[in-house]
Amino acid sequence: MFRAYERLADVTEEIYREGSNLTAAADASGHFADLDAVSPMITVMADETVHNLRASLDHLVYQLSALDSGNHHPAARFPICDTLEQFRTEATTALHGIDAAHIERLDAVQPYRGVQWTRRLLELTDINRQRTLVLVAPDSDAGAPFYASTESTRILAFADGSPVVTTLGDLAREVSQLLESFNPDFA
């Protein structure tokens, strides 16, 4: 988790540093210009943050496999599934050697159970999602075009309109809480 928080801090700092570049003038039709002036490092760091969050969850499962079975299982990983059937299928290899009580706790945070943060993490794991950053207006509807006739400060967001820093920060907190909930199991 340290690396995820470190990269999140880097993203935040880079966005702050790029400040004036995160402004775009509207064209004659009211649409904002492309983000050519924004550092590509922001996208790379956002991608690395997502990767480190997933790696932290995978590491939890890897350690649970050793705790529960006495062996580290190389295929151990944290599954994120849209259906119970998919979870059951993936659990046979990804959660091999993990006891039923731990599997139940991992199952409880699955998207098919209505848990939004794991669904969002799964979406952002899709490489095309985190490589598409756009400018959006503060308090605008996600996905709705924003029109203006003058320059205006914008928030850097994923293609669906969710703010990069807020979204990654929320995901980091959720992953941290899940990891911390397993601390007593390792004591």
Protein backbone atom coordinates (compact mmCIF):
# COMPACT_ATOMS: atom_id res chain seq x y z
CA MET A 1 0.00 0.00 0.00
CA PHE A 2 2.93 2.30 0.59
CA ARG A 3 3.69 2.39 -3.16
CA ALA A 4 0.04 3.12 -4.01
CA TYR A 5 -0.08 6.05 -1.59
CA GLU A 6 3.31 7.25 -2.83
CA ARG A 7 2.11 7.25 -6.47
CA LEU A 8 -1.16 8.92 -5.45
CA ALA A 9 0.86 11.69 -3.80
CA ASP A 10 2.90 11.97 -6.99
CA VAL A 11 -0.27 12.28 -9.10
CA THR A 12 -1.62 14.96 -6.79
CA GLU A 13 1.67 16.87 -6.84
CA GLU A 14 1.96 16.66 -10.63
CA ILE A 15 -1.59 17.92 -11.10
CA TYR A 16 -0.90 20.77 -8.69
CA ARG A 17 2.37 21.57 -10.48
CA GLU A 18 0.66 21.49 -13.87
CA GLY A 19 -2.00 23.86 -12.50
CA SER A 20 -2.13 26.43 -15.27
CA ASN A 21 -1.99 23.73 -17.94
CA LEU A 22 -5.17 22.22 -16.54
CA THR A 23 -7.13 25.04 -18.11
CA ALA A 24 -8.53 24.88 -21.58
CA ALA A 25 -10.10 27.51 -23.78
CA ALA A 26 -13.38 26.58 -25.38
CA ASP A 27 -13.55 26.57 -29.16
CA ALA A 28 -16.30 28.32 -31.16
CA SER A 29 -18.73 25.46 -30.48
CA GLY A 30 -18.07 25.58 -26.73
CA HIS A 31 -16.06 22.35 -26.52
CA PHE A 32 -12.75 22.27 -24.67
CA ALA A 33 -9.46 21.73 -26.41
CA ASP A 34 -7.48 18.49 -26.10
CA LEU A 35 -5.13 17.86 -23.21
CA ASP A 36 -1.89 17.98 -25.18
CA ALA A 37 -0.33 20.32 -22.61
CA VAL A 38 -0.89 17.99 -19.65
CA SER A 39 2.10 15.89 -18.67
CA PRO A 40 1.79 12.26 -19.77
CA MET A 41 3.37 11.39 -16.43
CA ILE A 42 0.03 12.05 -14.74
CA THR A 43 -1.51 9.21 -16.72
CA VAL A 44 1.45 6.93 -16.01
CA MET A 45 1.30 7.68 -12.27
CA ALA A 46 -2.48 7.13 -12.16
CA ASP A 47 -1.97 3.77 -13.88
CA GLU A 48 0.79 2.85 -11.40
CA THR A 49 -1.47 3.77 -8.48
CA VAL A 50 -4.17 1.40 -9.76
CA HIS A 51 -1.56 -1.31 -10.35
CA ASN A 52 -0.20 -0.95 -6.80
CA LEU A 53 -3.68 -1.16 -5.30
CA ARG A 54 -4.32 -4.42 -7.18
CA ALA A 55 -0.88 -5.71 -6.18
CA SER A 56 -1.66 -5.01 -2.51
CA LEU A 57 -4.83 -7.09 -2.75
CA ASP A 58 -2.98 -9.87 -4.57
CA HIS A 59 -0.33 -9.84 -1.85
CA LEU A 60 -3.03 -10.21 0.82
CA VAL A 61 -4.34 -13.34 -0.89
CA TYR A 62 -0.80 -14.68 -1.35
CA GLN A 63 -0.14 -14.27 2.38
CA LEU A 64 -3.53 -15.80 3.27
CA SER A 65 -2.62 -18.87 1.20
CA ALA A 66 0.55 -19.30 3.26
CA LEU A 67 -1.27 -18.65 6.54
CA ASP A 68 -4.06 -21.10 5.84
CA SER A 69 -2.22 -23.88 4.01
CA GLY A 70 1.38 -23.47 5.10
CA ASN A 71 2.46 -22.86 1.50
CA HIS A 72 2.59 -19.84 -0.77
CA HIS A 73 0.58 -20.63 -3.88
CA PRO A 74 2.04 -18.93 -6.96
CA ALA A 75 -1.39 -18.57 -8.61
CA ALA A 76 -2.85 -16.83 -5.55
CA ARG A 77 -4.46 -13.52 -6.44
CA PHE A 78 -7.39 -11.36 -5.44
CA PRO A 79 -10.28 -12.09 -7.80
CA ILE A 80 -12.71 -9.31 -8.68
CA CYS A 81 -15.83 -10.84 -10.18
CA ASP A 82 -19.12 -9.66 -11.62
CA THR A 83 -21.02 -12.88 -10.86
CA LEU A 84 -21.09 -15.57 -8.20
CA GLU A 85 -20.36 -18.17 -10.88
CA GLN A 86 -17.27 -16.26 -12.00
CA PHE A 87 -16.11 -15.97 -8.36
CA ARG A 88 -16.54 -19.70 -7.78
CA THR A 89 -14.64 -20.51 -10.97
CA GLU A 90 -11.77 -18.13 -10.20
CA ALA A 91 -11.63 -19.17 -6.55
CA THR A 92 -10.55 -22.68 -7.48
CA THR A 93 -7.13 -21.41 -8.56
CA ALA A 94 -6.84 -17.84 -7.26
CA LEU A 95 -7.87 -18.77 -3.71
CA HIS A 96 -6.36 -22.26 -3.58
CA GLY A 97 -5.39 -23.22 -0.04
CA ILE A 98 -7.34 -20.41 1.63
CA ASP A 99 -9.85 -21.44 4.29
CA ALA A 100 -13.59 -20.95 3.88
CA ALA A 101 -13.83 -18.11 6.42
CA HIS A 102 -11.26 -16.03 4.54
CA ILE A 103 -12.86 -16.82 1.18
CA GLU A 104 -16.19 -15.66 2.59
CA ARG A 105 -14.64 -12.32 3.60
CA LEU A 106 -13.10 -11.88 0.13
CA ASP A 107 -16.42 -12.83 -1.46
CA ALA A 108 -18.19 -10.14 0.60
CA VAL A 109 -16.37 -7.31 -1.24
CA GLN A 110 -17.10 -8.51 -4.77
CA PRO A 111 -18.89 -6.29 -7.31
CA TYR A 112 -21.70 -8.83 -7.72
CA ARG A 113 -22.41 -8.28 -4.01
CA GLY A 114 -22.97 -4.59 -4.77
CA VAL A 115 -19.57 -3.35 -3.60
CA GLN A 116 -18.79 -0.34 -5.75
CA TRP A 117 -15.12 0.19 -4.94
CA THR A 118 -14.10 -3.23 -6.24
CA ARG A 119 -16.18 -2.65 -9.37
CA ARG A 120 -14.40 0.67 -9.90
CA LEU A 121 -10.99 -0.90 -9.34
CA LEU A 122 -11.83 -3.56 -11.91
CA GLU A 123 -12.88 -0.89 -14.41
CA LEU A 124 -9.69 1.09 -13.89
CA THR A 125 -7.59 -2.03 -14.29
CA ASP A 126 -8.69 -2.03 -17.92
CA ILE A 127 -5.67 -0.35 -19.50
CA ASN A 128 -7.71 1.86 -21.82
CA ARG A 129 -9.65 3.41 -18.97
CA GLN A 130 -6.82 4.92 -16.97
CA ARG A 131 -4.96 6.11 -20.06
CA THR A 132 -7.85 8.38 -21.00
CA LEU A 133 -7.87 11.50 -18.86
CA VAL A 134 -10.09 14.45 -19.68
CA LEU A 135 -10.88 17.88 -18.30
CA VAL A 136 -14.26 18.22 -16.66
CA ALA A 137 -16.02 21.10 -14.98
CA PRO A 138 -16.36 21.05 -11.21
CA ASP A 139 -19.82 19.87 -10.16
CA SER A 140 -20.78 18.91 -13.71
CA ASP A 141 -22.64 15.70 -14.43
CA ALA A 142 -20.24 12.83 -15.13
CA GLY A 143 -20.03 12.21 -18.84
CA ALA A 144 -22.01 15.30 -19.80
CA PRO A 145 -20.23 17.77 -22.08
CA PHE A 146 -19.35 21.08 -20.50
CA TYR A 147 -19.73 24.26 -22.51
CA ALA A 148 -18.25 27.66 -21.77
CA SER A 149 -17.23 30.73 -23.67
CA THR A 150 -14.14 31.63 -21.63
CA GLU A 151 -11.20 29.88 -20.02
CA SER A 152 -12.18 28.03 -16.89
CA THR A 153 -10.37 25.90 -14.33
CA ARG A 154 -11.08 22.20 -14.71
CA ILE A 155 -10.60 19.01 -12.78
CA LEU A 156 -8.52 16.23 -14.28
CA ALA A 157 -10.77 13.19 -14.54
CA PHE A 158 -11.09 9.72 -15.98
CA ALA A 159 -13.12 9.42 -19.18
CA ASP A 160 -16.32 8.77 -17.21
CA GLY A 161 -15.94 12.14 -15.43
CA SER A 162 -14.76 10.85 -12.04
CA PRO A 163 -11.95 13.04 -10.64
CA VAL A 164 -8.58 11.28 -10.74
CA VAL A 165 -7.30 12.24 -7.29
CA THR A 166 -10.62 11.71 -5.49
CA THR A 167 -11.26 8.38 -7.19
CA LEU A 168 -7.78 7.01 -6.52
CA GLY A 169 -7.84 8.31 -2.94
CA ASP A 170 -11.19 6.64 -2.27
CA LEU A 171 -9.92 3.35 -3.71
CA ALA A 172 -6.73 3.53 -1.63
CA ARG A 173 -8.77 4.04 1.55
CA GLU A 174 -11.04 1.09 0.74
CA VAL A 175 -8.11 -1.22 -0.03
CA SER A 176 -6.35 -0.10 3.18
CA GLN A 177 -9.46 -0.79 5.25
CA LEU A 178 -9.79 -4.27 3.79
CA LEU A 179 -6.12 -5.03 4.40
CA GLU A 180 -6.35 -3.72 7.97
CA SER A 181 -9.40 -5.89 8.62
CA PHE A 182 -7.18 -8.94 8.07
CA ASN A 183 -4.40 -7.76 10.45
CA PRO A 184 -5.75 -9.75 13.42
CA ASP A 185 -5.59 -12.94 11.34
CA PHE A 186 -1.82 -12.55 11.02
CA ALA A 187 -1.18 -11.66 14.67
